[in-house]
Amino acid sequence: ASQGTPGHCRQGELNMSAVTQSIRRSAIGLGLFAIITGGTIALTQGLTKDRIEEQAARAEAAALFEIIPESDHDNDLLNSTVTLPDGLRPHTDKPVTAWVARQDGEVTGLIVPAVAPDGYSGDIHLLVGLDLNGTVLGVRVTSHRETPGLGDRIETRKSDWVHQFEGRSLRDTPPRRWNVKKNGGEFDQFTGATITPRAVTKAVQHVLTWHRKNRKAIRSAVETSGGTR
């Protein structure tokens, strides 16, 4: 069998070279696109990180004063913190930093951070205010990713739902009743959404159980801390 003529071979080589160059250019283009895109994302994250953290800090500060208003304390609540026994947050044994409210030197309450790990769309972060006897002063959700129009009614700007915890304790509400009404508990659920309110209710119960278990250590730490660190 005859082989191709020299002209045909050269044409084939040129075609292969053109294809190779095209592939190389495409690869370089994709690489540059990935670098530029990654750099843009990193830059955007860097520029917005401080702003997001600032907004989160403001939201947290506002929640503190909603749970224990200024009329119920005369100390610098934002800077009055104490380290409390571990075991509050799920899946971690790290100590808990709580805010302490005082009026004329007497402790009027403390606010602890908590996490409901079983929300519909992930973790729900909240603050729970308690007095030293284990009665809830207030609850506020500080961040979540729950479904708009359904689960987001755990926010006070969407509904009054979280106010039903105020004045509650393990003394007046037994453990089996710390659930939504659909599951035999005492707390309301949302129409079309049960998982979110149940998760928050269980998180509040967990805080109260933690307080009962560590009551003496908590009282000692709060009363001897001076409230400012």
C-alpha atoms as a PDB file:
ATOM      1  CA  ALA A   1       0.000   0.000   0.000  1.00  0.00           C
ATOM      2  CA  SER A   2       1.296   3.402  -0.866  1.00  0.00           C
ATOM      3  CA  GLN A   3       1.857   6.015   1.773  1.00  0.00           C
ATOM      4  CA  GLY A   4       0.582   9.584   1.523  1.00  0.00           C
ATOM      5  CA  THR A   5       2.407  12.122  -0.563  1.00  0.00           C
ATOM      6  CA  PRO A   6       4.727  14.614   1.154  1.00  0.00           C
ATOM      7  CA  GLY A   7       2.157  17.343   0.660  1.00  0.00           C
ATOM      8  CA  HIS A   8      -0.528  15.343   2.387  1.00  0.00           C
ATOM      9  CA  CYS A   9       1.822  14.569   5.328  1.00  0.00           C
ATOM     10  CA  ARG A  10       2.740  18.211   5.763  1.00  0.00           C
ATOM     11  CA  GLN A  11      -0.937  19.203   5.676  1.00  0.00           C
ATOM     12  CA  GLY A  12      -1.714  16.571   8.305  1.00  0.00           C
ATOM     13  CA  GLU A  13       1.105  17.820  10.507  1.00  0.00           C
ATOM     14  CA  LEU A  14      -0.145  21.385  10.163  1.00  0.00           C
ATOM     15  CA  ASN A  15      -3.660  20.323  11.110  1.00  0.00           C
ATOM     16  CA  MET A  16      -2.395  18.451  14.178  1.00  0.00           C
ATOM     17  CA  SER A  17      -0.300  21.433  15.169  1.00  0.00           C
ATOM     18  CA  ALA A  18      -3.320  23.714  14.859  1.00  0.00           C
ATOM     19  CA  VAL A  19      -5.411  21.368  17.016  1.00  0.00           C
ATOM     20  CA  THR A  20      -2.645  21.164  19.636  1.00  0.00           C
ATOM     21  CA  GLN A  21      -2.293  24.932  19.737  1.00  0.00           C
ATOM     22  CA  SER A  22      -6.058  25.326  20.050  1.00  0.00           C
ATOM     23  CA  ILE A  23      -6.159  22.877  22.969  1.00  0.00           C
ATOM     24  CA  ARG A  24      -3.226  24.646  24.599  1.00  0.00           C
ATOM     25  CA  ARG A  25      -4.880  28.044  24.210  1.00  0.00           C
ATOM     26  CA  SER A  26      -8.126  26.692  25.654  1.00  0.00           C
ATOM     27  CA  ALA A  27      -6.300  25.175  28.625  1.00  0.00           C
ATOM     28  CA  ILE A  28      -4.434  28.429  29.271  1.00  0.00           C
ATOM     29  CA  GLY A  29      -7.680  30.380  28.968  1.00  0.00           C
ATOM     30  CA  LEU A  30      -9.462  28.117  31.419  1.00  0.00           C
ATOM     31  CA  GLY A  31      -6.529  28.317  33.811  1.00  0.00           C
ATOM     32  CA  LEU A  32      -6.501  32.115  33.696  1.00  0.00           C
ATOM     33  CA  PHE A  33     -10.275  32.192  34.166  1.00  0.00           C
ATOM     34  CA  ALA A  34      -9.996  29.962  37.234  1.00  0.00           C
ATOM     35  CA  ILE A  35      -7.208  32.116  38.682  1.00  0.00           C
ATOM     36  CA  ILE A  36      -9.103  35.350  38.083  1.00  0.00           C
ATOM     37  CA  THR A  37     -12.356  33.913  39.438  1.00  0.00           C
ATOM     38  CA  GLY A  38     -10.651  32.490  42.525  1.00  0.00           C
ATOM     39  CA  GLY A  39      -8.850  35.762  43.133  1.00  0.00           C
ATOM     40  CA  THR A  40     -12.063  37.735  42.788  1.00  0.00           C
ATOM     41  CA  ILE A  41     -13.874  35.488  45.258  1.00  0.00           C
ATOM     42  CA  ALA A  42     -10.992  35.679  47.734  1.00  0.00           C
ATOM     43  CA  LEU A  43     -10.840  39.461  47.393  1.00  0.00           C
ATOM     44  CA  THR A  44     -14.595  39.785  47.890  1.00  0.00           C
ATOM     45  CA  GLN A  45     -14.485  37.566  50.966  1.00  0.00           C
ATOM     46  CA  GLY A  46     -11.593  39.564  52.361  1.00  0.00           C
ATOM     47  CA  LEU A  47     -13.380  42.862  51.806  1.00  0.00           C
ATOM     48  CA  THR A  48     -16.696  41.677  53.281  1.00  0.00           C
ATOM     49  CA  LYS A  49     -15.396  39.557  56.187  1.00  0.00           C
ATOM     50  CA  ASP A  50     -14.917  42.482  58.552  1.00  0.00           C
ATOM     51  CA  ARG A  51     -18.299  43.928  57.577  1.00  0.00           C
ATOM     52  CA  ILE A  52     -20.066  40.610  58.184  1.00  0.00           C
ATOM     53  CA  GLU A  53     -18.351  40.177  61.556  1.00  0.00           C
ATOM     54  CA  GLU A  54     -19.262  43.739  62.511  1.00  0.00           C
ATOM     55  CA  GLN A  55     -22.905  43.176  61.585  1.00  0.00           C
ATOM     56  CA  ALA A  56     -22.944  39.908  63.549  1.00  0.00           C
ATOM     57  CA  ALA A  57     -21.463  41.665  66.583  1.00  0.00           C
ATOM     58  CA  ARG A  58     -24.083  44.408  66.356  1.00  0.00           C
ATOM     59  CA  ALA A  59     -26.890  41.854  66.101  1.00  0.00           C
ATOM     60  CA  GLU A  60     -25.519  39.994  69.110  1.00  0.00           C
ATOM     61  CA  ALA A  61     -25.207  43.205  71.141  1.00  0.00           C
ATOM     62  CA  ALA A  62     -28.782  44.195  70.259  1.00  0.00           C
ATOM     63  CA  ALA A  63     -30.010  40.743  71.324  1.00  0.00           C
ATOM     64  CA  LEU A  64     -28.273  41.044  74.692  1.00  0.00           C
ATOM     65  CA  PHE A  65     -30.147  44.236  75.515  1.00  0.00           C
ATOM     66  CA  GLU A  66     -33.432  42.748  74.327  1.00  0.00           C
ATOM     67  CA  ILE A  67     -33.029  39.798  76.697  1.00  0.00           C
ATOM     68  CA  ILE A  68     -31.917  41.904  79.687  1.00  0.00           C
ATOM     69  CA  PRO A  69     -32.844  45.535  79.029  1.00  0.00           C
ATOM     70  CA  GLU A  70     -30.861  48.429  80.452  1.00  0.00           C
ATOM     71  CA  SER A  71     -33.562  49.024  83.057  1.00  0.00           C
ATOM     72  CA  ASP A  72     -32.635  45.656  84.610  1.00  0.00           C
ATOM     73  CA  HIS A  73     -28.893  46.229  84.917  1.00  0.00           C
ATOM     74  CA  ASP A  74     -26.490  49.076  85.551  1.00  0.00           C
ATOM     75  CA  ASN A  75     -23.185  47.442  84.602  1.00  0.00           C
ATOM     76  CA  ASP A  76     -21.388  47.378  81.243  1.00  0.00           C
ATOM     77  CA  LEU A  77     -23.112  44.260  79.949  1.00  0.00           C
ATOM     78  CA  LEU A  78     -21.129  44.002  76.718  1.00  0.00           C
ATOM     79  CA  ASN A  79     -17.840  43.819  78.616  1.00  0.00           C
ATOM     80  CA  SER A  80     -19.034  41.880  81.660  1.00  0.00           C
ATOM     81  CA  THR A  81     -18.238  38.255  80.915  1.00  0.00           C
ATOM     82  CA  VAL A  82     -17.353  35.120  82.810  1.00  0.00           C
ATOM     83  CA  THR A  83     -16.126  31.650  81.834  1.00  0.00           C
ATOM     84  CA  LEU A  84     -18.540  28.921  82.908  1.00  0.00           C
ATOM     85  CA  PRO A  85     -18.383  25.095  83.000  1.00  0.00           C
ATOM     86  CA  ASP A  86     -18.194  23.249  79.707  1.00  0.00           C
ATOM     87  CA  GLY A  87     -20.752  20.894  78.238  1.00  0.00           C
ATOM     88  CA  LEU A  88     -23.236  23.482  76.962  1.00  0.00           C
ATOM     89  CA  ARG A  89     -22.507  23.345  73.251  1.00  0.00           C
ATOM     90  CA  PRO A  90     -23.062  20.025  71.470  1.00  0.00           C
ATOM     91  CA  HIS A  91     -20.042  18.133  70.158  1.00  0.00           C
ATOM     92  CA  THR A  92     -17.528  20.261  72.083  1.00  0.00           C
ATOM     93  CA  ASP A  93     -16.176  20.490  75.624  1.00  0.00           C
ATOM     94  CA  LYS A  94     -14.966  24.065  75.343  1.00  0.00           C
ATOM     95  CA  PRO A  95     -15.773  26.387  78.264  1.00  0.00           C
ATOM     96  CA  VAL A  96     -18.702  28.767  77.890  1.00  0.00           C
ATOM     97  CA  THR A  97     -18.302  32.536  77.956  1.00  0.00           C
ATOM     98  CA  ALA A  98     -21.443  34.206  79.262  1.00  0.00           C
ATOM     99  CA  TRP A  99     -22.489  37.813  79.798  1.00  0.00           C
ATOM    100  CA  VAL A 100     -23.409  38.808  83.352  1.00  0.00           C
ATOM    101  CA  ALA A 101     -25.968  41.488  84.204  1.00  0.00           C
ATOM    102  CA  ARG A 102     -25.825  43.285  87.563  1.00  0.00           C
ATOM    103  CA  GLN A 103     -27.961  45.846  89.314  1.00  0.00           C
ATOM    104  CA  ASP A 104     -26.360  47.639  92.290  1.00  0.00           C
ATOM    105  CA  GLY A 105     -23.732  44.909  92.377  1.00  0.00           C
ATOM    106  CA  GLU A 106     -26.249  42.062  92.530  1.00  0.00           C
ATOM    107  CA  VAL A 107     -26.469  39.541  89.689  1.00  0.00           C
ATOM    108  CA  THR A 108     -29.760  39.923  87.837  1.00  0.00           C
ATOM    109  CA  GLY A 109     -29.061  37.386  85.112  1.00  0.00           C
ATOM    110  CA  LEU A 110     -26.643  35.825  82.689  1.00  0.00           C
ATOM    111  CA  ILE A 111     -26.842  35.261  78.949  1.00  0.00           C
ATOM    112  CA  VAL A 112     -25.261  32.196  77.390  1.00  0.00           C
ATOM    113  CA  PRO A 113     -24.721  31.302  73.725  1.00  0.00           C
ATOM    114  CA  ALA A 114     -26.282  28.082  72.499  1.00  0.00           C
ATOM    115  CA  VAL A 115     -26.635  26.112  69.278  1.00  0.00           C
ATOM    116  CA  ALA A 116     -29.555  24.064  68.000  1.00  0.00           C
ATOM    117  CA  PRO A 117     -27.683  21.571  65.755  1.00  0.00           C
ATOM    118  CA  ASP A 118     -30.815  19.998  64.297  1.00  0.00           C
ATOM    119  CA  GLY A 119     -32.475  22.882  62.483  1.00  0.00           C
ATOM    120  CA  TYR A 120     -34.107  22.226  59.125  1.00  0.00           C
ATOM    121  CA  SER A 121     -31.214  23.878  57.266  1.00  0.00           C
ATOM    122  CA  GLY A 122     -28.387  23.444  59.758  1.00  0.00           C
ATOM    123  CA  ASP A 123     -27.230  25.036  62.995  1.00  0.00           C
ATOM    124  CA  ILE A 124     -29.370  27.690  64.650  1.00  0.00           C
ATOM    125  CA  HIS A 125     -27.410  30.043  66.907  1.00  0.00           C
ATOM    126  CA  LEU A 126     -29.167  31.672  69.807  1.00  0.00           C
ATOM    127  CA  LEU A 127     -28.700  33.456  73.114  1.00  0.00           C
ATOM    128  CA  VAL A 128     -30.539  32.329  76.241  1.00  0.00           C
ATOM    129  CA  GLY A 129     -30.919  34.579  79.266  1.00  0.00           C
ATOM    130  CA  LEU A 130     -31.346  32.997  82.713  1.00  0.00           C
ATOM    131  CA  ASP A 131     -31.494  34.086  86.306  1.00  0.00           C
ATOM    132  CA  LEU A 132     -29.372  32.198  88.826  1.00  0.00           C
ATOM    133  CA  ASN A 133     -32.329  29.969  89.738  1.00  0.00           C
ATOM    134  CA  GLY A 134     -32.663  28.647  86.191  1.00  0.00           C
ATOM    135  CA  THR A 135     -35.653  30.655  84.965  1.00  0.00           C
ATOM    136  CA  VAL A 136     -35.568  31.857  81.365  1.00  0.00           C
ATOM    137  CA  LEU A 137     -35.387  35.644  81.038  1.00  0.00           C
ATOM    138  CA  GLY A 138     -35.467  35.633  77.269  1.00  0.00           C
ATOM    139  CA  VAL A 139     -34.326  33.916  74.074  1.00  0.00           C
ATOM    140  CA  ARG A 140     -33.091  35.451  70.845  1.00  0.00           C
ATOM    141  CA  VAL A 141     -31.935  33.775  67.631  1.00  0.00           C
ATOM    142  CA  THR A 142     -28.775  35.423  66.299  1.00  0.00           C
ATOM    143  CA  SER A 143     -28.193  33.474  63.070  1.00  0.00           C
ATOM    144  CA  HIS A 144     -29.796  30.691  61.054  1.00  0.00           C
ATOM    145  CA  ARG A 145     -30.482  29.464  57.513  1.00  0.00           C
ATOM    146  CA  GLU A 146     -34.073  28.333  57.993  1.00  0.00           C
ATOM    147  CA  THR A 147     -36.682  28.607  55.228  1.00  0.00           C
ATOM    148  CA  PRO A 148     -37.963  32.166  54.671  1.00  0.00           C
ATOM    149  CA  GLY A 149     -41.653  32.454  55.430  1.00  0.00           C
ATOM    150  CA  LEU A 150     -41.652  29.254  57.492  1.00  0.00           C
ATOM    151  CA  GLY A 151     -38.738  28.590  59.819  1.00  0.00           C
ATOM    152  CA  ASP A 152     -37.604  32.208  59.996  1.00  0.00           C
ATOM    153  CA  ARG A 153     -40.481  32.970  62.361  1.00  0.00           C
ATOM    154  CA  ILE A 154     -38.049  32.170  65.173  1.00  0.00           C
ATOM    155  CA  GLU A 155     -36.869  35.766  64.642  1.00  0.00           C
ATOM    156  CA  THR A 156     -38.585  38.411  66.765  1.00  0.00           C
ATOM    157  CA  ARG A 157     -39.008  40.677  63.746  1.00  0.00           C
ATOM    158  CA  LYS A 158     -41.084  37.952  62.093  1.00  0.00           C
ATOM    159  CA  SER A 159     -43.161  36.738  65.063  1.00  0.00           C
ATOM    160  CA  ASP A 160     -43.442  36.684  68.877  1.00  0.00           C
ATOM    161  CA  TRP A 161     -42.816  32.941  68.995  1.00  0.00           C
ATOM    162  CA  VAL A 162     -39.617  32.998  71.122  1.00  0.00           C
ATOM    163  CA  HIS A 163     -41.322  35.028  73.845  1.00  0.00           C
ATOM    164  CA  GLN A 164     -43.167  31.912  75.019  1.00  0.00           C
ATOM    165  CA  PHE A 165     -39.971  30.720  76.734  1.00  0.00           C
ATOM    166  CA  GLU A 166     -39.874  33.702  79.084  1.00  0.00           C
ATOM    167  CA  GLY A 167     -40.527  32.720  82.694  1.00  0.00           C
ATOM    168  CA  ARG A 168     -40.160  29.007  81.941  1.00  0.00           C
ATOM    169  CA  SER A 169     -37.938  26.632  83.907  1.00  0.00           C
ATOM    170  CA  LEU A 170     -37.445  22.931  84.493  1.00  0.00           C
ATOM    171  CA  ARG A 171     -39.473  23.334  87.686  1.00  0.00           C
ATOM    172  CA  ASP A 172     -42.705  24.269  85.918  1.00  0.00           C
ATOM    173  CA  THR A 173     -42.154  22.390  82.659  1.00  0.00           C
ATOM    174  CA  PRO A 174     -41.003  18.754  82.971  1.00  0.00           C
ATOM    175  CA  PRO A 175     -38.506  17.396  80.421  1.00  0.00           C
ATOM    176  CA  ARG A 176     -41.060  15.461  78.374  1.00  0.00           C
ATOM    177  CA  ARG A 177     -43.034  18.685  77.838  1.00  0.00           C
ATOM    178  CA  TRP A 178     -40.112  20.531  76.294  1.00  0.00           C
ATOM    179  CA  ASN A 179     -41.295  19.912  72.774  1.00  0.00           C
ATOM    180  CA  VAL A 180     -43.767  21.328  70.297  1.00  0.00           C
ATOM    181  CA  LYS A 181     -47.448  20.534  70.779  1.00  0.00           C
ATOM    182  CA  LYS A 182     -47.485  18.267  67.732  1.00  0.00           C
ATOM    183  CA  ASN A 183     -45.035  16.001  69.573  1.00  0.00           C
ATOM    184  CA  GLY A 184     -46.813  16.152  72.918  1.00  0.00           C
ATOM    185  CA  GLY A 185     -45.075  19.227  74.282  1.00  0.00           C
ATOM    186  CA  GLU A 186     -46.229  22.644  75.484  1.00  0.00           C
ATOM    187  CA  PHE A 187     -44.760  24.901  72.819  1.00  0.00           C
ATOM    188  CA  ASP A 188     -46.345  26.079  69.603  1.00  0.00           C
ATOM    189  CA  GLN A 189     -45.085  24.982  66.217  1.00  0.00           C
ATOM    190  CA  PHE A 190     -45.433  26.857  62.933  1.00  0.00           C
ATOM    191  CA  THR A 191     -47.971  25.990  60.271  1.00  0.00           C
ATOM    192  CA  GLY A 192     -46.018  23.921  57.768  1.00  0.00           C
ATOM    193  CA  ALA A 193     -42.855  23.905  59.881  1.00  0.00           C
ATOM    194  CA  THR A 194     -42.218  21.723  62.914  1.00  0.00           C
ATOM    195  CA  ILE A 195     -38.494  20.951  62.733  1.00  0.00           C
ATOM    196  CA  THR A 196     -37.274  24.512  63.342  1.00  0.00           C
ATOM    197  CA  PRO A 197     -39.327  25.345  66.464  1.00  0.00           C
ATOM    198  CA  ARG A 198     -38.669  21.881  67.873  1.00  0.00           C
ATOM    199  CA  ALA A 199     -34.918  22.381  67.440  1.00  0.00           C
ATOM    200  CA  VAL A 200     -34.970  25.735  69.237  1.00  0.00           C
ATOM    201  CA  THR A 201     -37.166  24.370  72.039  1.00  0.00           C
ATOM    202  CA  LYS A 202     -34.764  21.482  72.602  1.00  0.00           C
ATOM    203  CA  ALA A 203     -31.800  23.871  72.603  1.00  0.00           C
ATOM    204  CA  VAL A 204     -33.404  26.002  75.325  1.00  0.00           C
ATOM    205  CA  GLN A 205     -34.136  22.866  77.344  1.00  0.00           C
ATOM    206  CA  HIS A 206     -30.508  21.817  76.930  1.00  0.00           C
ATOM    207  CA  VAL A 207     -29.349  25.146  78.385  1.00  0.00           C
ATOM    208  CA  LEU A 208     -31.636  24.703  81.394  1.00  0.00           C
ATOM    209  CA  THR A 209     -30.440  21.130  81.939  1.00  0.00           C
ATOM    210  CA  TRP A 210     -26.828  22.304  81.745  1.00  0.00           C
ATOM    211  CA  HIS A 211     -27.596  25.051  84.275  1.00  0.00           C
ATOM    212  CA  ARG A 212     -29.235  22.626  86.695  1.00  0.00           C
ATOM    213  CA  LYS A 213     -26.293  20.228  86.451  1.00  0.00           C
ATOM    214  CA  ASN A 214     -23.730  22.997  87.038  1.00  0.00           C
ATOM    215  CA  ARG A 215     -25.764  25.372  89.217  1.00  0.00           C
ATOM    216  CA  LYS A 216     -23.303  25.636  92.103  1.00  0.00           C
ATOM    217  CA  ALA A 217     -20.284  26.094  89.839  1.00  0.00           C
ATOM    218  CA  ILE A 218     -22.129  28.692  87.744  1.00  0.00           C
ATOM    219  CA  ARG A 219     -23.254  30.681  90.779  1.00  0.00           C
ATOM    220  CA  SER A 220     -19.762  30.591  92.265  1.00  0.00           C
ATOM    221  CA  ALA A 221     -18.107  31.676  88.994  1.00  0.00           C
ATOM    222  CA  VAL A 222     -20.598  34.490  88.411  1.00  0.00           C
ATOM    223  CA  GLU A 223     -20.583  35.862  91.963  1.00  0.00           C
ATOM    224  CA  THR A 224     -16.791  35.834  92.291  1.00  0.00           C
ATOM    225  CA  SER A 225     -15.947  37.108  88.822  1.00  0.00           C
ATOM    226  CA  GLY A 226     -16.768  40.716  89.423  1.00  0.00           C
ATOM    227  CA  GLY A 227     -18.591  40.470  86.111  1.00  0.00           C
ATOM    228  CA  THR A 228     -15.935  42.210  84.030  1.00  0.00           C
ATOM    229  CA  ARG A 229     -13.049  40.548  82.315  1.00  0.00           C
END
